[in-house]
Amino acid sequence: MTVKMQNQNQIDRVLSEIRARRDEFEAKRHVPRDMIEQFKQLGVYRAHAPRCFGGDGSSPTEFLKLIETISEADGSAGWVASFGSAAIYLAALPRETLACVYANGPDVAFAGGLFPVQPAEKVEGGWSVNGLWKFASGCKGADILGVGIGTGEGGKPLTAVLRPEDVEIVENWEVIGMRGTGSHDLRVKDAFVSDEWTFVRGGVPSIDEPIYQYPSIAYAAQVLAVVNLGIARAALDEISQMAGRSSITGAPKMADRAYLRVGVAKAEASLRSARAFFYEATDAAWESILKGDGVSAEQTSMVRLAAAQAAREGASAVQTAYMLAGTLAIYDGHPLQRYLRDAMVVTQHAFLNESMYDGAGSVFLGVQPFRGYI
């Protein structure tokens, strides 16, 4: 059996378990640590860890397609796994600190409650950290945690890295969609964090490897947007399966109705177009890095635009599937209910909101973009 076949068999086993346990994730409001361990075995957290510390050196497209696949099984699981990309942020830590982070191997799960940025007191050798931070997705399964403590170089947020024992998780993730992400609040009281354990989010990396030249903030938008590509794929597959079944009212099968065939075809076309744009922009930026040209402002803008479009077209495809499904889809236990709730949460993220279109349009037209478009 080839290595590729072994890897695919492992992925298939994990995906089957995710599908079997997604109700559990939703009920617990987080993805349990034993599932995080299986993500580690799939290479989620070593994908972008430094190769010098055992990382895989995966390309952005390789990682994004893995997250898309996990998200097709469950959106919350994909969302939590997407933070394997945080290794790109962590690369801004000093090399000596990274050696400590990866001392036991490259499979390190990071979660962060970076906003609202809280002021921290500068003390000798570091910072005295206090405060409450929101939206720490995956925090209950994280090996290390980050909190936003002010601004560093270029006015970008400064992040302090802490061990789980130094952080209180305030379990208040009471939401409609993405219930399994465990995006609870983090509370820190009088914790000392040395300067060596802080980094600027999006700052200059201390490791010289190609992946750390990829625009980190744009990538943060991509790893979340790709979740909706996976959810949308699951939703369209679900409506296709439903279409072959007989109606409880005695009406023709869904597949025999012209409006449904047209709706599914349009949704497929829109989703596949957005997906192609998404990976086209990703590969263009990556190839530019590998050629030694870096990533231009225009390429970065295109990546962010493609991410916003993927998130919205994914949500639109899910809405189409839900509306075409009829009465059955209104029940809590129907998969389309979860897909709908989860997909709409993705579109609400600050990195994927309407300002992304304004920012991209500004770049196209050569005018100053909105300040929030980084």
Protein backbone atom coordinates (compact mmCIF):
# COMPACT_ATOMS: atom_id res chain seq x y z
CA MET A 1 0.00 0.00 0.00
CA THR A 2 1.43 3.41 -0.97
CA VAL A 3 1.92 6.25 1.50
CA LYS A 4 -0.75 8.24 -0.35
CA MET A 5 -3.28 5.42 0.04
CA GLN A 6 -2.41 5.07 3.72
CA ASN A 7 -2.93 8.80 4.24
CA GLN A 8 -6.26 8.72 2.42
CA ASN A 9 -7.42 5.78 4.48
CA GLN A 10 -6.52 7.67 7.64
CA ILE A 11 -8.37 10.78 6.44
CA ASP A 12 -11.43 8.69 5.59
CA ARG A 13 -11.42 7.13 9.07
CA VAL A 14 -11.22 10.51 10.76
CA LEU A 15 -13.96 11.97 8.55
CA SER A 16 -16.24 9.05 9.40
CA GLU A 17 -15.69 9.67 13.09
CA ILE A 18 -16.35 13.40 12.70
CA ARG A 19 -19.68 12.66 11.00
CA ALA A 20 -20.61 10.18 13.71
CA ARG A 21 -19.74 12.64 16.49
CA ARG A 22 -20.86 16.02 15.15
CA ASP A 23 -23.97 15.98 17.35
CA GLU A 24 -21.65 15.41 20.30
CA PHE A 25 -19.52 18.41 19.31
CA GLU A 26 -22.63 20.56 19.13
CA ALA A 27 -23.95 19.35 22.49
CA LYS A 28 -20.60 19.86 24.23
CA ARG A 29 -20.06 23.21 22.46
CA HIS A 30 -16.50 22.23 21.56
CA VAL A 31 -14.45 19.68 19.65
CA PRO A 32 -13.00 17.37 22.34
CA ARG A 33 -9.28 17.01 22.85
CA ASP A 34 -9.22 13.41 21.60
CA MET A 35 -10.48 14.71 18.24
CA ILE A 36 -7.76 17.38 18.26
CA GLU A 37 -5.28 14.53 18.68
CA GLN A 38 -6.66 12.94 15.52
CA PHE A 39 -6.29 16.26 13.70
CA LYS A 40 -2.66 16.16 14.77
CA GLN A 41 -2.27 12.71 13.23
CA LEU A 42 -3.67 14.08 9.96
CA GLY A 43 -0.95 16.75 9.97
CA VAL A 44 -3.24 19.72 10.58
CA TYR A 45 -0.89 21.39 13.06
CA ARG A 46 2.42 20.42 11.48
CA ALA A 47 1.36 21.60 8.01
CA HIS A 48 2.82 25.08 8.51
CA ALA A 49 5.10 24.50 11.49
CA PRO A 50 8.72 25.35 10.63
CA ARG A 51 10.42 22.59 8.69
CA CYS A 52 13.48 23.10 10.85
CA PHE A 53 11.33 21.93 13.80
CA GLY A 54 9.71 19.02 11.97
CA GLY A 55 6.96 20.80 10.02
CA ASP A 56 5.65 19.43 6.74
CA GLY A 57 6.19 22.50 4.55
CA SER A 58 2.68 22.20 3.08
CA SER A 59 1.53 24.73 0.50
CA PRO A 60 -1.49 26.94 1.25
CA THR A 61 -3.62 25.01 -1.24
CA GLU A 62 -2.72 21.67 0.37
CA PHE A 63 -3.75 22.95 3.79
CA LEU A 64 -6.89 24.69 2.56
CA LYS A 65 -8.11 21.59 0.76
CA LEU A 66 -7.63 19.55 3.93
CA ILE A 67 -9.72 22.06 5.91
CA GLU A 68 -12.35 22.07 3.14
CA THR A 69 -12.58 18.28 3.38
CA ILE A 70 -12.94 18.32 7.17
CA SER A 71 -15.57 21.07 6.90
CA GLU A 72 -17.61 18.94 4.53
CA ALA A 73 -17.91 16.43 7.39
CA ASP A 74 -18.64 19.14 9.98
CA GLY A 75 -18.29 22.90 9.85
CA SER A 76 -17.26 23.30 13.49
CA ALA A 77 -14.55 20.66 13.14
CA GLY A 78 -13.24 22.40 10.02
CA TRP A 79 -13.28 25.78 11.75
CA VAL A 80 -11.26 24.48 14.71
CA ALA A 81 -8.83 22.62 12.44
CA SER A 82 -8.33 25.78 10.37
CA PHE A 83 -6.34 27.32 13.20
CA GLY A 84 -3.51 24.98 12.33
CA SER A 85 -2.64 27.93 10.10
CA ALA A 86 -1.69 29.90 13.24
CA ALA A 87 1.82 28.50 12.91
CA ILE A 88 2.33 31.30 10.40
CA TYR A 89 1.57 33.88 13.10
CA LEU A 90 3.72 32.08 15.64
CA ALA A 91 6.71 32.28 13.29
CA ALA A 92 7.06 35.91 14.42
CA LEU A 93 8.21 34.63 17.84
CA PRO A 94 11.98 34.58 18.42
CA ARG A 95 13.64 31.44 17.09
CA GLU A 96 14.70 30.42 20.60
CA THR A 97 11.07 30.64 21.76
CA LEU A 98 9.91 28.57 18.78
CA ALA A 99 12.43 25.91 19.79
CA CYS A 100 10.61 25.72 23.13
CA VAL A 101 7.17 25.69 21.47
CA TYR A 102 8.13 22.75 19.26
CA ALA A 103 10.41 20.99 21.76
CA ASN A 104 8.12 17.95 21.81
CA GLY A 105 7.34 17.98 18.10
CA PRO A 106 5.57 20.13 15.52
CA ASP A 107 1.99 19.13 16.39
CA VAL A 108 1.14 22.15 18.54
CA ALA A 109 -2.46 23.38 18.69
CA PHE A 110 -2.82 27.14 19.19
CA ALA A 111 -5.97 29.10 20.01
CA GLY A 112 -6.31 32.82 20.54
CA GLY A 113 -8.67 35.33 22.05
CA LEU A 114 -7.05 38.33 20.44
CA PHE A 115 -9.88 40.87 20.74
CA PRO A 116 -10.76 43.18 22.26
CA VAL A 117 -7.12 44.14 22.65
CA GLN A 118 -6.47 44.75 26.34
CA PRO A 119 -3.80 47.09 27.69
CA ALA A 120 -1.02 45.31 29.56
CA GLU A 121 1.43 46.77 32.06
CA LYS A 122 5.04 46.79 30.87
CA VAL A 123 7.28 45.37 33.59
CA GLU A 124 10.92 44.36 33.67
CA GLY A 125 11.51 41.67 31.08
CA GLY A 126 7.95 41.43 29.88
CA TRP A 127 4.30 42.19 30.58
CA SER A 128 1.77 41.86 33.38
CA VAL A 129 -1.33 40.61 31.62
CA ASN A 130 -4.93 41.01 32.78
CA GLY A 131 -8.21 41.02 30.91
CA LEU A 132 -11.02 39.22 29.13
CA TRP A 133 -10.90 38.21 25.47
CA LYS A 134 -13.60 36.85 23.17
CA PHE A 135 -13.95 34.25 20.41
CA ALA A 136 -11.14 31.86 21.36
CA SER A 137 -12.18 29.09 18.95
CA GLY A 138 -10.73 25.70 19.86
CA CYS A 139 -9.45 26.91 23.21
CA LYS A 140 -10.47 23.77 25.13
CA GLY A 141 -8.17 21.63 23.02
CA ALA A 142 -5.24 24.05 22.67
CA ASP A 143 -1.68 23.41 23.80
CA ILE A 144 -0.89 27.13 23.96
CA LEU A 145 -3.11 30.21 23.97
CA GLY A 146 -2.67 33.79 22.79
CA VAL A 147 -4.29 37.03 23.95
CA GLY A 148 -4.08 40.52 22.44
CA ILE A 149 -2.28 42.99 24.70
CA GLY A 150 -1.75 46.17 22.71
CA THR A 151 0.03 47.23 19.57
CA GLY A 152 3.46 46.40 18.26
CA GLU A 153 5.32 47.34 15.12
CA GLY A 154 3.23 49.05 12.46
CA GLY A 155 0.30 49.39 14.85
CA LYS A 156 -0.51 45.69 14.54
CA PRO A 157 -1.84 43.78 17.58
CA LEU A 158 0.73 42.35 19.96
CA THR A 159 -0.05 38.83 21.17
CA ALA A 160 1.06 37.26 24.43
CA VAL A 161 1.44 33.47 24.45
CA LEU A 162 0.43 31.58 27.59
CA ARG A 163 0.10 28.01 28.80
CA PRO A 164 -3.46 26.72 29.40
CA GLU A 165 -2.91 26.60 33.17
CA ASP A 166 -2.43 30.40 33.15
CA VAL A 167 -5.77 31.05 31.44
CA GLU A 168 -9.35 30.65 32.62
CA ILE A 169 -11.82 29.56 29.94
CA VAL A 170 -15.18 31.27 30.49
CA GLU A 171 -17.66 28.86 28.91
CA ASN A 172 -20.21 31.18 27.35
CA TRP A 173 -20.40 30.07 23.70
CA GLU A 174 -24.19 30.28 23.39
CA VAL A 175 -24.88 30.65 19.68
CA ILE A 176 -27.07 29.30 16.89
CA GLY A 177 -24.38 28.22 14.43
CA MET A 178 -20.86 26.80 14.74
CA ARG A 179 -21.78 25.55 18.21
CA GLY A 180 -18.99 23.00 18.25
CA THR A 181 -16.14 25.50 17.86
CA GLY A 182 -15.91 26.24 21.58
CA SER A 183 -15.27 29.91 20.90
CA HIS A 184 -15.43 30.83 24.57
CA ASP A 185 -13.97 33.85 26.35
CA LEU A 186 -10.52 33.78 27.93
CA ARG A 187 -9.75 35.44 31.25
CA VAL A 188 -6.23 36.14 32.49
CA LYS A 189 -5.33 37.57 35.88
CA ASP A 190 -1.89 38.86 36.85
CA ALA A 191 0.04 36.61 34.48
CA PHE A 192 3.63 37.50 33.65
CA VAL A 193 4.57 37.01 30.00
CA SER A 194 8.19 37.61 29.04
CA ASP A 195 9.00 39.63 25.93
CA GLU A 196 10.28 36.48 24.26
CA TRP A 197 6.78 35.00 24.41
CA THR A 198 5.07 37.88 22.61
CA PHE A 199 4.77 38.49 18.89
CA VAL A 200 3.22 40.93 16.46
CA ARG A 201 0.33 39.35 14.63
CA GLY A 202 1.42 39.50 11.02
CA GLY A 203 4.92 40.58 12.09
CA VAL A 204 8.25 39.70 10.50
CA PRO A 205 8.96 35.96 10.93
CA SER A 206 12.14 34.75 12.57
CA ILE A 207 12.15 31.70 10.27
CA ASP A 208 13.09 32.00 6.60
CA GLU A 209 10.77 29.55 4.83
CA PRO A 210 8.44 30.22 1.87
CA ILE A 211 5.17 29.78 3.74
CA TYR A 212 6.02 32.68 6.05
CA GLN A 213 6.08 35.04 3.07
CA TYR A 214 2.43 34.30 2.36
CA PRO A 215 0.25 37.25 3.55
CA SER A 216 -0.81 36.11 7.01
CA ILE A 217 -3.91 38.29 7.48
CA ALA A 218 -5.24 37.33 4.06
CA TYR A 219 -4.56 33.69 4.89
CA ALA A 220 -6.49 34.06 8.15
CA ALA A 221 -9.50 35.03 6.04
CA GLN A 222 -8.96 32.13 3.64
CA VAL A 223 -8.80 29.38 6.24
CA LEU A 224 -12.20 30.49 7.54
CA ALA A 225 -13.80 31.09 4.14
CA VAL A 226 -12.85 27.62 2.94
CA VAL A 227 -15.05 26.18 5.68
CA ASN A 228 -18.06 27.41 3.72
CA LEU A 229 -16.85 25.67 0.57
CA GLY A 230 -16.91 22.40 2.50
CA ILE A 231 -20.29 23.06 4.12
CA ALA A 232 -21.80 24.04 0.76
CA ARG A 233 -20.51 20.85 -0.83
CA ALA A 234 -22.20 18.83 1.90
CA ALA A 235 -25.45 20.78 1.48
CA LEU A 236 -25.63 20.29 -2.29
CA ASP A 237 -24.82 16.60 -1.91
CA GLU A 238 -27.64 16.36 0.64
CA ILE A 239 -30.24 17.92 -1.66
CA SER A 240 -29.08 15.67 -4.49
CA GLN A 241 -29.68 12.62 -2.32
CA MET A 242 -33.08 13.94 -1.23
CA ALA A 243 -34.08 14.57 -4.83
CA GLY A 244 -34.35 10.87 -5.62
CA ARG A 245 -36.81 10.12 -2.83
CA SER A 246 -40.58 10.05 -3.10
CA SER A 247 -42.54 13.00 -1.69
CA ILE A 248 -44.63 12.45 1.45
CA THR A 249 -47.46 14.38 -0.26
CA GLY A 250 -47.53 12.14 -3.31
CA ALA A 251 -46.13 14.89 -5.52
CA PRO A 252 -43.47 14.04 -8.12
CA LYS A 253 -39.97 13.28 -6.88
CA MET A 254 -37.89 16.40 -6.34
CA ALA A 255 -35.60 15.39 -9.20
CA ASP A 256 -38.60 15.44 -11.55
CA ARG A 257 -39.30 19.11 -10.86
CA ALA A 258 -37.75 21.57 -13.28
CA TYR A 259 -37.34 24.36 -10.72
CA LEU A 260 -35.26 22.08 -8.50
CA ARG A 261 -33.02 20.92 -11.32
CA VAL A 262 -32.46 24.53 -12.37
CA GLY A 263 -31.78 25.65 -8.78
CA VAL A 264 -29.27 22.89 -8.12
CA ALA A 265 -27.47 23.53 -11.42
CA LYS A 266 -27.16 27.27 -10.73
CA ALA A 267 -25.91 26.65 -7.20
CA GLU A 268 -23.32 24.16 -8.47
CA ALA A 269 -22.11 26.61 -11.11
CA SER A 270 -21.79 29.49 -8.62
CA LEU A 271 -20.06 27.38 -5.98
CA ARG A 272 -17.60 25.82 -8.40
CA SER A 273 -16.81 29.23 -9.90
CA ALA A 274 -16.10 30.73 -6.49
CA ARG A 275 -14.00 27.71 -5.55
CA ALA A 276 -11.96 27.95 -8.75
CA PHE A 277 -11.34 31.69 -8.14
CA PHE A 278 -10.38 30.92 -4.53
CA TYR A 279 -7.68 28.39 -5.43
CA GLU A 280 -6.55 30.33 -8.50
CA ALA A 281 -5.77 33.36 -6.32
CA THR A 282 -4.07 31.14 -3.74
CA ASP A 283 -1.86 29.38 -6.27
CA ALA A 284 -0.93 32.64 -8.01
CA ALA A 285 0.34 34.13 -4.74
CA TRP A 286 2.18 30.97 -3.79
CA GLU A 287 3.84 30.57 -7.18
CA SER A 288 5.01 34.18 -6.98
CA ILE A 289 6.67 33.40 -3.64
CA LEU A 290 8.37 30.29 -5.00
CA LYS A 291 9.72 32.31 -7.93
CA GLY A 292 11.29 34.73 -5.48
CA ASP A 293 8.98 37.64 -6.35
CA GLY A 294 7.05 37.77 -3.09
CA VAL A 295 3.36 38.70 -3.01
CA SER A 296 2.20 42.04 -4.39
CA ALA A 297 -0.49 44.23 -2.84
CA GLU A 298 -2.71 43.38 -5.79
CA GLN A 299 -2.26 39.64 -5.24
CA THR A 300 -2.98 40.01 -1.54
CA SER A 301 -6.14 41.94 -2.34
CA MET A 302 -7.19 39.25 -4.81
CA VAL A 303 -6.69 36.55 -2.18
CA ARG A 304 -8.91 38.43 0.26
CA LEU A 305 -11.54 39.11 -2.37
CA ALA A 306 -11.60 35.43 -3.32
CA ALA A 307 -12.00 34.52 0.34
CA ALA A 308 -14.97 36.83 0.82
CA GLN A 309 -16.55 35.54 -2.36
CA ALA A 310 -16.06 31.91 -1.36
CA ALA A 311 -17.69 32.54 2.02
CA ARG A 312 -20.72 34.21 0.43
CA GLU A 313 -21.20 31.85 -2.47
CA GLY A 314 -20.85 28.93 -0.09
CA ALA A 315 -23.57 30.38 2.14
CA SER A 316 -25.74 31.09 -0.91
CA ALA A 317 -25.44 27.47 -2.07
CA VAL A 318 -26.50 26.26 1.37
CA GLN A 319 -29.49 28.63 1.36
CA THR A 320 -30.50 27.33 -2.06
CA ALA A 321 -30.32 23.73 -0.88
CA TYR A 322 -32.35 24.58 2.22
CA MET A 323 -35.10 26.34 0.30
CA LEU A 324 -35.33 23.58 -2.30
CA ALA A 325 -35.58 20.90 0.40
CA GLY A 326 -39.03 21.95 1.54
CA THR A 327 -40.63 21.13 4.88
CA LEU A 328 -38.26 18.35 5.92
CA ALA A 329 -35.41 20.84 6.31
CA ILE A 330 -37.11 22.76 9.13
CA TYR A 331 -36.55 20.01 11.70
CA ASP A 332 -33.68 20.32 14.17
CA GLY A 333 -32.25 16.94 13.27
CA HIS A 334 -32.04 17.58 9.54
CA PRO A 335 -28.47 18.12 8.25
CA LEU A 336 -29.51 21.19 6.27
CA GLN A 337 -30.46 22.94 9.50
CA ARG A 338 -26.89 22.66 10.76
CA TYR A 339 -25.41 23.57 7.39
CA LEU A 340 -27.56 26.70 7.20
CA ARG A 341 -26.73 27.89 10.71
CA ASP A 342 -23.01 27.19 10.34
CA ALA A 343 -22.64 28.75 6.88
CA MET A 344 -24.22 32.01 7.97
CA VAL A 345 -21.82 32.32 10.90
CA VAL A 346 -18.85 32.18 8.52
CA THR A 347 -20.15 35.20 6.59
CA GLN A 348 -20.34 37.25 9.81
CA HIS A 349 -16.62 37.12 10.54
CA ALA A 350 -14.87 40.49 10.42
CA PHE A 351 -12.30 39.17 7.93
CA LEU A 352 -15.06 38.24 5.48
CA ASN A 353 -17.53 41.11 5.72
CA GLU A 354 -18.67 43.55 3.03
CA SER A 355 -15.69 45.85 3.56
CA MET A 356 -13.56 43.26 1.77
CA TYR A 357 -15.31 44.12 -1.49
CA ASP A 358 -14.80 47.83 -0.92
CA GLY A 359 -11.13 47.24 -0.19
CA ALA A 360 -10.61 45.12 -3.29
CA GLY A 361 -12.46 47.64 -5.43
CA SER A 362 -10.25 50.40 -4.06
CA VAL A 363 -7.13 48.45 -5.06
CA PHE A 364 -8.53 47.84 -8.56
CA LEU A 365 -9.28 51.55 -8.99
CA GLY A 366 -6.12 52.88 -7.38
CA VAL A 367 -7.79 54.75 -4.51
CA GLN A 368 -7.13 54.58 -0.79
CA PRO A 369 -8.93 51.57 0.72
CA PHE A 370 -10.92 51.65 3.94
CA ARG A 371 -8.54 51.63 6.91
CA GLY A 372 -9.92 48.33 8.22
CA TYR A 373 -8.90 46.57 5.01
CA ILE A 374 -5.46 45.28 5.98
